[in-house]
Protein backbone atom coordinates (compact mmCIF):
# COMPACT_ATOMS: atom_id res chain seq x y z
CA LYS A 1 6.12 -2.59 -11.16
CA GLU A 2 2.76 -2.78 -12.95
CA ALA A 3 1.08 -3.95 -9.75
CA PHE A 4 2.64 -0.99 -7.92
CA SER A 5 1.17 1.35 -10.54
CA LEU A 6 -2.30 -0.07 -9.88
CA PHE A 7 -1.96 1.01 -6.25
CA ASP A 8 -0.14 4.30 -6.91
CA LYS A 9 -3.11 6.10 -8.48
CA ASP A 10 -1.49 9.55 -8.74
CA GLY A 11 1.85 8.21 -9.99
CA ASP A 12 3.93 9.95 -7.32
CA GLY A 13 5.90 6.83 -6.40
CA GLN A 14 4.17 6.50 -3.02
CA ILE A 15 1.15 4.44 -1.96
CA THR A 16 -0.99 6.25 0.63
CA THR A 17 -3.64 4.76 2.92
CA LYS A 18 -6.25 6.27 0.57
CA GLU A 19 -4.75 4.54 -2.49
CA LEU A 20 -4.33 1.26 -0.60
CA GLY A 21 -7.96 1.48 0.55
CA THR A 22 -9.21 2.02 -2.99
CA VAL A 23 -7.45 -1.12 -4.23
CA MET A 24 -8.52 -3.20 -1.21
CA ARG A 25 -12.16 -2.19 -1.75
CA SER A 26 -11.91 -3.10 -5.44
CA LEU A 27 -10.82 -6.57 -4.27
CA GLY A 28 -13.91 -6.89 -2.10
CA GLN A 29 -12.20 -6.01 1.19
CA ASN A 30 -13.41 -3.25 3.48
CA PRO A 31 -10.49 -2.31 5.76
CA SER A 32 -10.84 0.47 8.32
CA GLU A 33 -8.53 3.49 8.23
CA SER A 34 -6.56 2.07 11.17
CA GLU A 35 -6.20 -1.32 9.45
CA LEU A 36 -4.86 0.41 6.35
CA GLN A 37 -2.40 2.39 8.47
CA ASP A 38 -1.30 -0.83 10.21
CA MET A 39 -0.68 -2.46 6.82
CA ILE A 40 1.46 0.47 5.73
CA ASN A 41 3.29 0.64 9.07
CA GLU A 42 4.26 -3.04 8.74
CA VAL A 43 6.45 -2.35 5.69
CA ASP A 44 7.12 1.40 5.98
CA ALA A 45 10.90 1.13 6.50
CA ASP A 46 11.54 4.90 6.38
CA ASN A 47 8.50 5.75 8.53
CA ASN A 48 7.14 8.39 6.15
CA GLY A 49 3.58 7.04 6.31
CA THR A 50 3.48 5.78 2.74
CA ILE A 51 4.76 2.75 0.83
CA ASP A 52 7.41 3.29 -1.85
CA PHE A 53 8.38 0.67 -4.44
CA PRO A 54 11.04 -1.20 -2.38
CA GLU A 55 8.64 -1.32 0.59
CA PHE A 56 5.88 -2.55 -1.75
CA LEU A 57 8.15 -5.41 -2.88
CA THR A 58 8.68 -6.33 0.78
CA MET A 59 4.92 -6.29 1.38
CA MET A 60 4.23 -8.48 -1.68
CA ALA A 61 7.01 -10.93 -0.75
CA GLY A 62 5.36 -11.31 2.66
CA LYS A 63 2.01 -12.13 1.05
CA MET A 64 3.40 -14.91 -1.18
């Protein structure tokens, strides 16, 4: 949950492409807007264009 909060900058319970991009850049990555959208689309189960906490858990489980 703490990791999710690092991504969810405005605390609205959703991670947007903008928030994901900010974190990725802080980790030394430089993804394009379309790459960020692809990352979100991979785990966006409800197709709302953002990542919520359950979707975030899915994404993190896939990275382990």
